[in-house]
């Protein structure tokens, strides 16, 4: 029972998938006109948070799993070249959605 508490494989995989989803969607938004980019970015954030909440409903996330998920999200985004301010804001929003 205790060992399952530390099994964060699904949470880490979701964190990486979420980062890659965000990256792919944000790149497609970059091709939109400048006037629509802000609105599309807000909608993208809403979809990311909705995915996070759905994952949290389907999986039992303890503190350890949330930490692993957010860590994988952060480092995947960092590897994809995003700046620290954007990463910190996104990770904070996702963690609040998981609560």
C-alpha atoms as a PDB file:
ATOM      1  CA  UNK A   1       0.000   0.000   0.000  1.00  0.00           C
ATOM      2  CA  UNK A   2       2.750   2.443   0.929  1.00  0.00           C
ATOM      3  CA  UNK A   3       4.686   1.781  -2.254  1.00  0.00           C
ATOM      4  CA  UNK A   4       1.661   2.696  -4.379  1.00  0.00           C
ATOM      5  CA  UNK A   5       1.685   6.110  -2.704  1.00  0.00           C
ATOM      6  CA  UNK A   6       5.022   6.789  -4.404  1.00  0.00           C
ATOM      7  CA  UNK A   7       3.976   5.489  -7.832  1.00  0.00           C
ATOM      8  CA  UNK A   8       3.870   8.696  -9.864  1.00  0.00           C
ATOM      9  CA  UNK A   9       4.379   7.281 -13.350  1.00  0.00           C
ATOM     10  CA  UNK A  10       0.963   8.376 -14.628  1.00  0.00           C
ATOM     11  CA  UNK A  11       1.315  11.836 -13.094  1.00  0.00           C
ATOM     12  CA  UNK A  12       4.754  12.357 -14.638  1.00  0.00           C
ATOM     13  CA  UNK A  13       3.536  11.149 -18.036  1.00  0.00           C
ATOM     14  CA  UNK A  14       0.563  13.507 -17.825  1.00  0.00           C
ATOM     15  CA  UNK A  15       2.830  16.423 -16.914  1.00  0.00           C
ATOM     16  CA  UNK A  16       4.969  15.797 -19.968  1.00  0.00           C
ATOM     17  CA  UNK A  17       1.940  15.283 -22.234  1.00  0.00           C
ATOM     18  CA  UNK A  18       0.396  18.497 -20.936  1.00  0.00           C
ATOM     19  CA  UNK A  19       3.573  20.444 -21.687  1.00  0.00           C
ATOM     20  CA  UNK A  20       3.785  19.028 -25.195  1.00  0.00           C
ATOM     21  CA  UNK A  21       0.073  19.758 -25.778  1.00  0.00           C
ATOM     22  CA  UNK A  22       0.570  23.348 -24.601  1.00  0.00           C
ATOM     23  CA  UNK A  23       3.600  23.736 -26.861  1.00  0.00           C
ATOM     24  CA  UNK A  24       1.844  22.384 -29.953  1.00  0.00           C
ATOM     25  CA  UNK A  25      -1.252  24.507 -29.398  1.00  0.00           C
ATOM     26  CA  UNK A  26       0.740  27.647 -28.645  1.00  0.00           C
ATOM     27  CA  UNK A  27       2.760  27.206 -31.832  1.00  0.00           C
ATOM     28  CA  UNK A  28      -0.459  26.990 -33.854  1.00  0.00           C
ATOM     29  CA  UNK A  29      -1.723  30.142 -32.138  1.00  0.00           C
ATOM     30  CA  UNK A  30       1.473  31.894 -33.207  1.00  0.00           C
ATOM     31  CA  UNK A  31       0.302  31.615 -36.790  1.00  0.00           C
ATOM     32  CA  UNK A  32      -2.927  33.495 -35.998  1.00  0.00           C
ATOM     33  CA  UNK A  33      -3.280  37.221 -36.411  1.00  0.00           C
ATOM     34  CA  UNK A  34      -1.909  39.367 -33.604  1.00  0.00           C
ATOM     35  CA  UNK A  35      -5.345  40.651 -32.641  1.00  0.00           C
ATOM     36  CA  UNK A  36      -6.653  37.149 -31.930  1.00  0.00           C
ATOM     37  CA  UNK A  37      -3.581  35.730 -30.196  1.00  0.00           C
ATOM     38  CA  UNK A  38      -4.451  36.994 -26.699  1.00  0.00           C
ATOM     39  CA  UNK A  39      -7.944  35.526 -26.821  1.00  0.00           C
ATOM     40  CA  UNK A  40      -6.666  32.223 -28.173  1.00  0.00           C
ATOM     41  CA  UNK A  41      -3.990  32.047 -25.460  1.00  0.00           C
ATOM     42  CA  UNK A  42      -6.651  32.554 -22.760  1.00  0.00           C
ATOM     43  CA  UNK A  43      -8.750  29.787 -24.289  1.00  0.00           C
ATOM     44  CA  UNK A  44      -5.694  27.540 -24.427  1.00  0.00           C
ATOM     45  CA  UNK A  45      -5.054  28.137 -20.733  1.00  0.00           C
ATOM     46  CA  UNK A  46      -8.664  27.193 -20.031  1.00  0.00           C
ATOM     47  CA  UNK A  47      -8.280  23.943 -21.980  1.00  0.00           C
ATOM     48  CA  UNK A  48      -5.034  23.125 -20.151  1.00  0.00           C
ATOM     49  CA  UNK A  49      -6.697  23.713 -16.788  1.00  0.00           C
ATOM     50  CA  UNK A  50      -9.728  21.674 -17.827  1.00  0.00           C
ATOM     51  CA  UNK A  51      -7.470  18.758 -18.819  1.00  0.00           C
ATOM     52  CA  UNK A  52      -5.700  19.058 -15.469  1.00  0.00           C
ATOM     53  CA  UNK A  53      -8.958  18.970 -13.536  1.00  0.00           C
ATOM     54  CA  UNK A  54     -10.164  15.990 -15.531  1.00  0.00           C
ATOM     55  CA  UNK A  55      -6.933  14.131 -14.803  1.00  0.00           C
ATOM     56  CA  UNK A  56      -7.246  14.958 -11.098  1.00  0.00           C
ATOM     57  CA  UNK A  57     -10.805  13.567 -11.038  1.00  0.00           C
ATOM     58  CA  UNK A  58      -9.709  10.326 -12.695  1.00  0.00           C
ATOM     59  CA  UNK A  59      -6.573   9.764 -10.603  1.00  0.00           C
ATOM     60  CA  UNK A  60      -5.912   9.971  -6.922  1.00  0.00           C
ATOM     61  CA  UNK A  61      -3.257  12.637  -6.650  1.00  0.00           C
ATOM     62  CA  UNK A  62      -1.402  12.933  -3.375  1.00  0.00           C
ATOM     63  CA  UNK A  63       1.196  15.584  -2.607  1.00  0.00           C
ATOM     64  CA  UNK A  64       4.025  13.497  -4.027  1.00  0.00           C
ATOM     65  CA  UNK A  65       2.237  12.853  -7.331  1.00  0.00           C
ATOM     66  CA  UNK A  66       1.290  16.524  -7.701  1.00  0.00           C
ATOM     67  CA  UNK A  67       4.910  17.477  -7.138  1.00  0.00           C
ATOM     68  CA  UNK A  68       6.133  14.984  -9.730  1.00  0.00           C
ATOM     69  CA  UNK A  69       3.509  16.144 -12.243  1.00  0.00           C
ATOM     70  CA  UNK A  70       4.388  19.810 -11.804  1.00  0.00           C
ATOM     71  CA  UNK A  71       8.113  19.080 -11.907  1.00  0.00           C
ATOM     72  CA  UNK A  72       7.795  17.173 -15.187  1.00  0.00           C
ATOM     73  CA  UNK A  73       5.570  19.917 -16.617  1.00  0.00           C
ATOM     74  CA  UNK A  74       8.089  22.572 -15.633  1.00  0.00           C
ATOM     75  CA  UNK A  75      11.177  20.837 -16.983  1.00  0.00           C
ATOM     76  CA  UNK A  76       9.536  19.753 -20.213  1.00  0.00           C
ATOM     77  CA  UNK A  77       8.475  23.343 -20.874  1.00  0.00           C
ATOM     78  CA  UNK A  78      11.975  24.512 -19.984  1.00  0.00           C
ATOM     79  CA  UNK A  79      13.464  21.982 -22.415  1.00  0.00           C
ATOM     80  CA  UNK A  80      11.076  23.283 -25.089  1.00  0.00           C
ATOM     81  CA  UNK A  81      12.544  26.761 -24.620  1.00  0.00           C
ATOM     82  CA  UNK A  82       9.913  28.670 -22.657  1.00  0.00           C
ATOM     83  CA  UNK A  83      10.944  31.428 -20.274  1.00  0.00           C
ATOM     84  CA  UNK A  84      10.855  30.969 -16.515  1.00  0.00           C
ATOM     85  CA  UNK A  85       8.100  33.518 -15.880  1.00  0.00           C
ATOM     86  CA  UNK A  86       5.645  31.812 -18.235  1.00  0.00           C
ATOM     87  CA  UNK A  87       6.539  28.393 -16.859  1.00  0.00           C
ATOM     88  CA  UNK A  88       6.057  29.471 -13.249  1.00  0.00           C
ATOM     89  CA  UNK A  89       2.663  31.040 -14.001  1.00  0.00           C
ATOM     90  CA  UNK A  90       1.455  27.987 -15.926  1.00  0.00           C
ATOM     91  CA  UNK A  91       2.653  25.507 -13.297  1.00  0.00           C
ATOM     92  CA  UNK A  92       1.002  27.566 -10.548  1.00  0.00           C
ATOM     93  CA  UNK A  93      -2.312  27.624 -12.415  1.00  0.00           C
ATOM     94  CA  UNK A  94      -2.162  23.872 -13.047  1.00  0.00           C
ATOM     95  CA  UNK A  95      -1.396  23.137  -9.398  1.00  0.00           C
ATOM     96  CA  UNK A  96      -4.337  25.269  -8.314  1.00  0.00           C
ATOM     97  CA  UNK A  97      -6.554  23.374 -10.762  1.00  0.00           C
ATOM     98  CA  UNK A  98      -5.404  20.051  -9.301  1.00  0.00           C
ATOM     99  CA  UNK A  99      -6.363  21.042  -5.756  1.00  0.00           C
END
